[in-house]
Amino acid sequence: MSRAQSETRKYTTLDRLVGVFDRLLRTTVSSGQTAIRESPAVGQRDSPLSARDRRHSAGLMRVNHTGEVCAQALYLGQALVARDEQLKVFLLDAATEEQDHLAWCAQRLDELESRSSLLNPLWFAGSVGIGLVAATVSDAASLGFVEETERQVCAHLDGHLTELSSNDLRSRAIVATMRDEEERHAINANSYGAEELPPSIKSLMRLQARVMTVLAYWF
């Protein structure tokens, strides 16, 4: 296929489903998680941690890794049905940064001799579905979902910065960078015309996040 043909190709439903499955594999299998940018942990001292602090850091980074799996899936689901081309670009650019976050968390889990959540395929599938539903309502509602999600993620990461051991400089560097970039995603979504979600939806999102956090920490 020529470049011109490739650029004008119309993607079928099957093409999109294959794309979703490919992203599922690359997102939930550690060997498929590569970062474009260097991890913020590079250059940070890898201080000795107590067994308790190491376990807690691993649990928190596992939660963060699962959050990035959900973010990849959410943005993918939204981009699949977004009406506005600029919105698609925004979502895919954000997903690229989230891919870096995913890889950084995976690398840190390896350093902590731990693993990612066994439930990641389930979280991925559910988040794709949520993204599709949000984007089907309207582009403004889709952006509103991005903004609220990122606001809640920022609060969640602030909590992790409080909980992580002061000796775990590598995990803290990763979480701090992620927190700043998630906040920027929220600000950008608002500037693109995000619609504020109803309080009931925000509450439901917080409940879902709590369930995911507890399960991902242990499993």
Protein backbone atom coordinates (compact mmCIF):
# COMPACT_ATOMS: atom_id res chain seq x y z
CA MET A 1 0.00 0.00 0.00
CA SER A 2 1.37 3.46 -0.93
CA ARG A 3 1.72 6.23 1.63
CA ALA A 4 -1.09 8.17 -0.03
CA GLN A 5 -3.36 5.13 0.09
CA SER A 6 -2.45 4.57 3.73
CA GLU A 7 -3.28 8.17 4.65
CA THR A 8 -6.72 8.01 2.98
CA ARG A 9 -7.65 4.53 4.11
CA LYS A 10 -11.04 4.23 5.81
CA TYR A 11 -10.80 2.12 8.92
CA THR A 12 -13.48 -0.52 9.35
CA THR A 13 -14.99 -1.75 12.60
CA LEU A 14 -12.75 -4.81 12.34
CA ASP A 15 -9.66 -2.58 11.95
CA ARG A 16 -10.63 -0.70 15.09
CA LEU A 17 -11.26 -3.88 17.06
CA VAL A 18 -7.85 -5.23 16.01
CA GLY A 19 -6.34 -1.92 17.15
CA VAL A 20 -8.03 -2.20 20.54
CA PHE A 21 -6.80 -5.77 20.97
CA ASP A 22 -3.26 -4.75 19.98
CA ARG A 23 -3.31 -1.91 22.52
CA LEU A 24 -4.68 -4.30 25.16
CA LEU A 25 -1.70 -6.62 24.66
CA ARG A 26 0.87 -3.83 24.63
CA THR A 27 -0.66 -2.16 27.67
CA THR A 28 -1.16 -5.18 29.92
CA VAL A 29 1.96 -7.19 29.00
CA SER A 30 5.09 -5.73 30.58
CA SER A 31 7.30 -6.48 27.55
CA GLY A 32 5.11 -4.16 25.47
CA GLN A 33 5.53 -1.18 27.83
CA THR A 34 8.26 1.10 26.52
CA ALA A 35 8.73 4.79 27.28
CA ILE A 36 9.66 7.53 24.83
CA ARG A 37 11.07 9.72 27.60
CA GLU A 38 13.58 8.80 30.26
CA SER A 39 12.12 7.90 33.64
CA PRO A 40 12.22 10.66 36.28
CA ALA A 41 13.75 8.01 38.56
CA VAL A 42 16.98 8.10 36.56
CA GLY A 43 19.64 9.86 38.62
CA GLN A 44 17.72 9.41 41.87
CA ARG A 45 19.47 7.48 44.62
CA ASP A 46 18.07 3.98 45.17
CA SER A 47 18.07 4.08 48.98
CA PRO A 48 17.64 0.91 51.06
CA LEU A 49 14.02 0.42 52.12
CA SER A 50 12.66 -1.63 54.99
CA ALA A 51 10.64 -4.69 54.00
CA ARG A 52 7.45 -2.89 55.02
CA ASP A 53 8.26 0.26 53.02
CA ARG A 54 9.24 -1.81 49.99
CA ARG A 55 5.93 -3.72 50.09
CA HIS A 56 3.98 -0.49 50.48
CA SER A 57 5.86 1.21 47.64
CA ALA A 58 5.19 -1.79 45.43
CA GLY A 59 1.49 -1.72 46.28
CA LEU A 60 1.22 2.00 45.53
CA MET A 61 3.16 1.72 42.27
CA ARG A 62 0.98 -1.23 41.26
CA VAL A 63 -2.07 0.98 41.80
CA ASN A 64 -0.47 3.73 39.72
CA HIS A 65 0.39 1.25 36.97
CA THR A 66 -3.22 0.07 36.88
CA GLY A 67 -4.37 3.68 36.75
CA GLU A 68 -2.24 4.18 33.65
CA VAL A 69 -3.70 1.02 32.08
CA CYS A 70 -7.13 2.56 32.64
CA ALA A 71 -5.99 5.89 31.20
CA GLN A 72 -4.69 4.24 28.03
CA ALA A 73 -7.97 2.41 27.60
CA LEU A 74 -10.11 5.46 28.41
CA TYR A 75 -8.36 7.70 25.87
CA LEU A 76 -8.46 4.94 23.26
CA GLY A 77 -12.20 4.44 23.71
CA GLN A 78 -12.82 8.19 23.50
CA ALA A 79 -10.62 8.66 20.43
CA LEU A 80 -12.40 5.84 18.58
CA VAL A 81 -15.68 7.78 18.44
CA ALA A 82 -14.58 11.43 18.91
CA ARG A 83 -16.25 13.68 16.34
CA ASP A 84 -13.69 16.49 16.31
CA GLU A 85 -10.27 15.81 14.76
CA GLN A 86 -8.50 18.20 17.14
CA LEU A 87 -10.01 16.33 20.06
CA LYS A 88 -8.67 13.06 18.67
CA VAL A 89 -5.19 14.60 18.47
CA PHE A 90 -5.49 15.86 22.06
CA LEU A 91 -6.58 12.43 23.32
CA LEU A 92 -3.85 10.56 21.45
CA ASP A 93 -1.16 13.03 22.58
CA ALA A 94 -2.30 12.57 26.18
CA ALA A 95 -2.25 8.80 25.69
CA THR A 96 1.39 9.03 24.57
CA GLU A 97 2.34 10.68 27.87
CA GLU A 98 0.28 8.10 29.73
CA GLN A 99 2.25 5.38 27.91
CA ASP A 100 5.43 6.84 29.42
CA HIS A 101 3.80 6.81 32.86
CA LEU A 102 2.82 3.17 32.33
CA ALA A 103 6.37 2.17 31.41
CA TRP A 104 7.92 4.13 34.30
CA CYS A 105 5.62 2.40 36.79
CA ALA A 106 6.41 -1.00 35.26
CA GLN A 107 10.15 -0.32 35.53
CA ARG A 108 9.80 0.71 39.16
CA LEU A 109 7.77 -2.41 39.97
CA ASP A 110 10.58 -4.52 38.51
CA GLU A 111 13.11 -2.66 40.68
CA LEU A 112 10.94 -3.36 43.72
CA GLU A 113 10.81 -7.04 42.69
CA SER A 114 7.04 -6.90 42.36
CA ARG A 115 4.44 -7.26 39.61
CA SER A 116 1.57 -5.45 37.97
CA SER A 117 -2.08 -6.15 38.84
CA LEU A 118 -3.46 -9.50 37.73
CA LEU A 119 -6.75 -7.72 36.99
CA ASN A 120 -5.34 -5.28 34.40
CA PRO A 121 -7.12 -6.86 31.39
CA LEU A 122 -10.43 -6.38 33.23
CA TRP A 123 -9.64 -2.74 34.05
CA PHE A 124 -8.59 -2.12 30.45
CA ALA A 125 -11.80 -3.54 28.98
CA GLY A 126 -13.99 -1.62 31.42
CA SER A 127 -12.20 1.67 30.75
CA VAL A 128 -12.50 1.30 26.98
CA GLY A 129 -16.24 0.87 27.49
CA ILE A 130 -16.45 3.96 29.71
CA GLY A 131 -14.51 5.99 27.13
CA LEU A 132 -16.83 4.89 24.34
CA VAL A 133 -19.94 5.80 26.33
CA ALA A 134 -18.58 9.21 27.41
CA ALA A 135 -17.53 10.13 23.87
CA THR A 136 -20.82 8.94 22.38
CA VAL A 137 -22.76 11.44 24.50
CA SER A 138 -20.81 14.42 23.11
CA ASP A 139 -17.27 15.72 22.70
CA ALA A 140 -17.88 18.19 25.55
CA ALA A 141 -19.00 15.38 27.86
CA SER A 142 -15.98 13.33 26.82
CA LEU A 143 -13.68 16.23 27.71
CA GLY A 144 -15.57 16.69 30.97
CA PHE A 145 -14.86 13.07 31.81
CA VAL A 146 -11.15 13.60 31.06
CA GLU A 147 -11.00 16.69 33.26
CA GLU A 148 -12.76 15.09 36.23
CA THR A 149 -10.74 11.88 35.90
CA GLU A 150 -7.47 13.80 35.91
CA ARG A 151 -8.56 15.97 38.87
CA GLN A 152 -9.29 12.83 40.87
CA VAL A 153 -6.00 11.26 39.77
CA CYS A 154 -4.10 14.34 40.96
CA ALA A 155 -5.70 14.04 44.41
CA HIS A 156 -4.87 10.33 44.43
CA LEU A 157 -1.20 11.00 43.52
CA ASP A 158 -0.94 13.71 46.17
CA GLY A 159 -1.96 11.05 48.68
CA HIS A 160 0.75 8.71 47.40
CA LEU A 161 3.39 11.41 47.78
CA THR A 162 2.34 11.61 51.43
CA GLU A 163 2.38 7.84 51.92
CA LEU A 164 5.60 6.91 50.12
CA SER A 165 8.67 6.63 52.32
CA SER A 166 10.89 9.71 52.23
CA ASN A 167 13.72 7.29 51.36
CA ASP A 168 11.96 6.07 48.21
CA LEU A 169 13.27 8.87 46.03
CA ARG A 170 12.83 6.90 42.79
CA SER A 171 9.12 6.22 43.26
CA ARG A 172 8.53 9.76 44.51
CA ALA A 173 10.19 11.27 41.42
CA ILE A 174 7.96 9.22 39.12
CA VAL A 175 4.77 10.05 41.02
CA ALA A 176 5.58 13.78 41.18
CA THR A 177 6.14 13.98 37.41
CA MET A 178 2.98 12.02 36.72
CA ARG A 179 1.02 14.32 39.01
CA ASP A 180 2.17 17.46 37.15
CA GLU A 181 1.33 15.99 33.76
CA GLU A 182 -2.10 14.73 34.84
CA GLU A 183 -2.90 18.23 36.08
CA ARG A 184 -1.91 19.64 32.69
CA HIS A 185 -4.25 17.15 30.97
CA ALA A 186 -7.11 18.41 33.15
CA ILE A 187 -6.32 22.05 32.38
CA ASN A 188 -6.10 21.32 28.66
CA ALA A 189 -9.40 19.42 28.67
CA ASN A 190 -11.05 22.40 30.33
CA SER A 191 -9.60 24.82 27.76
CA TYR A 192 -10.92 22.64 24.92
CA GLY A 193 -14.47 23.09 26.25
CA ALA A 194 -15.03 20.37 28.84
CA GLU A 195 -18.54 20.12 30.20
CA GLU A 196 -18.79 19.81 33.99
CA LEU A 197 -20.16 16.45 35.00
CA PRO A 198 -23.14 16.06 37.35
CA PRO A 199 -22.23 15.48 41.03
CA SER A 200 -23.74 11.99 40.89
CA ILE A 201 -21.35 10.98 38.09
CA LYS A 202 -18.37 12.42 39.96
CA SER A 203 -19.34 10.44 43.06
CA LEU A 204 -19.69 7.25 41.04
CA MET A 205 -16.24 7.83 39.53
CA ARG A 206 -14.73 8.25 43.02
CA LEU A 207 -16.40 5.02 44.17
CA GLN A 208 -15.08 3.11 41.17
CA ALA A 209 -11.59 4.53 41.78
CA ARG A 210 -11.67 3.37 45.41
CA VAL A 211 -12.63 -0.17 44.39
CA MET A 212 -9.88 -0.26 41.76
CA THR A 213 -7.32 1.11 44.22
CA VAL A 214 -8.01 -1.50 46.89
CA LEU A 215 -8.04 -4.44 44.47
CA ALA A 216 -4.97 -3.31 42.51
CA TYR A 217 -2.94 -2.72 45.68
CA TRP A 218 -3.28 -6.38 46.67
CA PHE A 219 -3.95 -8.18 43.40
